[in-house]
Protein backbone atom coordinates (compact mmCIF):
# COMPACT_ATOMS: atom_id res chain seq x y z
CA MET A 1 71.79 95.93 101.97
CA LYS A 2 73.80 92.83 101.20
CA ILE A 3 77.59 93.29 101.34
CA ILE A 4 80.75 91.20 101.15
CA LEU A 5 83.25 91.89 103.93
CA THR A 6 86.82 92.41 102.72
CA HIS A 7 88.29 92.69 106.25
CA GLU A 8 87.26 91.41 109.66
CA VAL A 9 84.75 93.69 111.40
CA SER A 10 84.14 93.11 115.13
CA GLY A 11 80.59 92.02 115.82
CA LEU A 12 79.78 91.56 112.14
CA GLY A 13 81.96 88.88 110.59
CA ALA A 14 85.22 87.89 108.97
CA ALA A 15 86.64 88.62 105.55
CA GLY A 16 84.71 86.86 102.81
CA ASP A 17 81.43 86.71 104.72
CA VAL A 18 78.26 87.89 103.00
CA VAL A 19 76.17 89.82 105.52
CA ASP A 20 73.03 91.94 105.49
CA VAL A 21 73.38 95.38 107.13
CA LYS A 22 71.47 98.64 107.16
CA ASP A 23 71.98 100.82 104.09
CA GLY A 24 73.48 103.78 105.97
CA TYR A 25 76.01 101.63 107.86
CA ALA A 26 77.25 100.12 104.60
CA ARG A 27 77.17 103.33 102.57
CA ASN A 28 78.66 105.67 105.20
CA TYR A 29 81.05 103.45 107.16
CA LEU A 30 81.94 100.04 105.68
CA VAL A 31 82.31 100.84 101.97
CA PRO A 32 84.25 104.15 102.30
CA ARG A 33 86.75 102.53 104.70
CA LYS A 34 87.14 99.61 102.27
CA LEU A 35 85.98 97.12 104.89
CA ALA A 36 83.30 95.82 102.53
CA ILE A 37 82.08 95.86 98.94
CA ARG A 38 78.54 95.74 97.65
CA TRP A 39 77.22 92.28 96.89
CA THR A 40 76.58 91.49 93.25
CA LYS A 41 76.29 88.26 91.33
CA GLY A 42 79.68 88.99 89.80
CA GLY A 43 81.10 89.85 93.19
CA GLU A 44 80.19 86.39 94.44
CA LYS A 45 83.31 85.13 92.62
CA ASP A 46 85.43 87.43 94.77
CA VAL A 47 84.21 85.73 97.94
CA GLU A 48 86.31 82.61 97.35
CA GLN A 49 89.38 84.68 96.53
CA ILE A 50 88.94 86.74 99.73
CA ARG A 51 88.51 83.57 101.79
CA ARG A 52 91.66 82.00 100.30
CA ALA A 53 93.67 85.14 101.07
CA ARG A 54 92.28 85.18 104.61
CA LYS A 55 93.37 81.57 105.21
CA ILE A 56 96.91 82.41 104.10
CA HIS A 57 97.25 85.42 106.41
CA GLU A 58 95.36 84.27 109.48
CA ILE A 59 96.75 82.21 112.29
CA GLN A 60 95.37 78.74 111.74
CA THR A 61 95.56 77.00 115.11
CA ILE A 62 95.45 77.86 118.77
CA GLU A 63 99.00 76.52 119.15
CA GLN A 64 100.28 79.03 116.58
CA ALA A 65 98.33 81.80 118.30
CA ASN A 66 99.85 80.86 121.66
CA GLN A 67 103.37 80.95 120.16
CA VAL A 68 102.78 84.45 118.74
CA LYS A 69 101.22 85.47 122.08
CA ALA A 70 104.38 84.38 123.92
CA GLN A 71 106.51 86.40 121.49
CA LEU A 72 104.34 89.49 121.88
CA GLU A 73 104.24 89.36 125.65
CA GLY A 74 108.04 88.98 125.78
CA VAL A 75 108.71 92.12 123.74
CA GLN A 76 109.43 95.44 125.47
CA VAL A 77 107.75 98.08 123.30
CA ARG A 78 108.88 101.71 123.59
CA LEU A 79 107.14 104.36 121.52
CA ALA A 80 108.69 107.83 121.25
CA VAL A 81 106.13 110.57 120.52
CA ARG A 82 105.97 114.36 120.71
CA SER A 83 104.43 115.69 123.88
CA GLY A 84 103.84 118.89 125.80
CA ASP A 85 105.25 119.95 129.15
CA ALA A 86 102.53 118.30 131.24
CA GLY A 87 103.01 114.88 129.61
CA ARG A 88 100.06 115.21 127.24
CA LEU A 89 100.63 114.07 123.67
CA PHE A 90 100.09 116.12 120.55
CA GLY A 91 97.37 113.83 119.18
CA SER A 92 97.16 110.21 120.24
CA VAL A 93 98.86 106.88 119.68
CA THR A 94 97.16 104.90 116.89
CA PRO A 95 97.06 101.14 116.32
CA ALA A 96 99.31 101.66 113.28
CA ASP A 97 101.91 103.34 115.53
CA ILE A 98 101.73 100.40 117.94
CA ALA A 99 102.07 97.82 115.14
CA SER A 100 105.18 99.52 113.75
CA ALA A 101 106.68 99.85 117.27
CA ILE A 102 106.14 96.13 117.90
CA LYS A 103 107.88 95.30 114.63
CA ALA A 104 110.76 97.71 115.42
CA ALA A 105 111.19 96.15 118.89
CA GLY A 106 111.82 92.76 117.28
CA GLY A 107 108.34 91.32 117.72
CA PRO A 108 106.21 89.56 115.13
CA GLU A 109 104.37 91.53 112.46
CA VAL A 110 100.89 92.38 113.71
CA ASP A 111 97.95 93.65 111.67
CA LYS A 112 96.88 97.06 112.98
CA ARG A 113 93.21 96.03 112.76
CA ARG A 114 93.81 93.33 115.39
CA ILE A 115 95.08 95.81 117.99
CA GLU A 116 92.35 96.83 120.43
CA LEU A 117 92.75 100.02 122.43
CA GLY A 118 90.44 100.36 125.42
CA ALA A 119 90.72 104.15 125.37
CA PRO A 120 92.85 106.50 123.27
CA ILE A 121 96.44 106.79 124.50
CA LYS A 122 97.05 110.52 125.03
CA THR A 123 99.58 110.59 127.89
CA LEU A 124 103.15 109.50 128.52
CA GLY A 125 103.81 106.41 130.62
CA ALA A 126 102.99 102.71 130.59
CA HIS A 127 99.86 101.50 128.83
CA GLU A 128 98.43 98.06 128.11
CA THR A 129 96.75 97.04 124.86
CA SER A 130 95.27 93.82 123.60
CA VAL A 131 96.06 92.08 120.32
CA ARG A 132 93.38 89.66 119.10
CA LEU A 133 95.36 86.84 117.45
CA HIS A 134 92.64 84.19 117.21
CA PRO A 135 88.98 84.17 118.27
CA GLU A 136 90.05 82.38 121.47
CA VAL A 137 93.50 83.94 122.05
CA ALA A 138 94.38 87.54 122.85
CA ALA A 139 97.80 88.83 123.87
CA LYS A 140 98.38 91.68 126.32
CA VAL A 141 101.14 94.03 125.16
CA ASN A 142 102.71 96.58 127.49
CA ILE A 143 103.70 99.81 125.77
CA GLU A 144 105.88 102.50 127.26
CA VAL A 145 105.14 105.89 125.70
CA VAL A 146 108.11 108.25 126.08
CA ALA A 147 108.78 111.83 124.98
CA ALA A 148 110.71 112.22 121.73
C-alpha cells in the first residue's frame, strides 16, 4: 500500500515522504495513529504542504542542533509522579511527560516524538533518555523521577 507520511517514523521516513508498506502495517498502525495518510492523486498536493511545514519546524543545520543539545544537556529535569511504597510508579513516565518537564525546567520545547526511551521508566531515581534533534545529533537528558 502506498502512503504519505505525516510525521517522522523511525526506520521508514520523514514527514512528506511517499513510501510503500504492507497493508496491515498501514491500516492497523500508521493510519489510526495519524502518522500517515493513504496516497491518492489528490493527496499528492498535500505532500508539498507537509514538506514545507516540516522545514519550518525542523532544525535545519548541525550547528543549530548542537546549540539545542547544549541547552538540553544543561537543564536539570525533575519529574514528580505518584508512586507506591517500594518506589514503583503507578504507570510509567511517557515521552509527553518528559517533554513537558523539560519545558517546565526552562529548556527548549521538544517534540515528544523525538524523545527515545530505551525502556519504560517505572521506578523512582535518575534515568537517562535520548532526544534525536537531527539525523546526526542526539542529546542525552538526565531525568530525576521523584515521588509527588
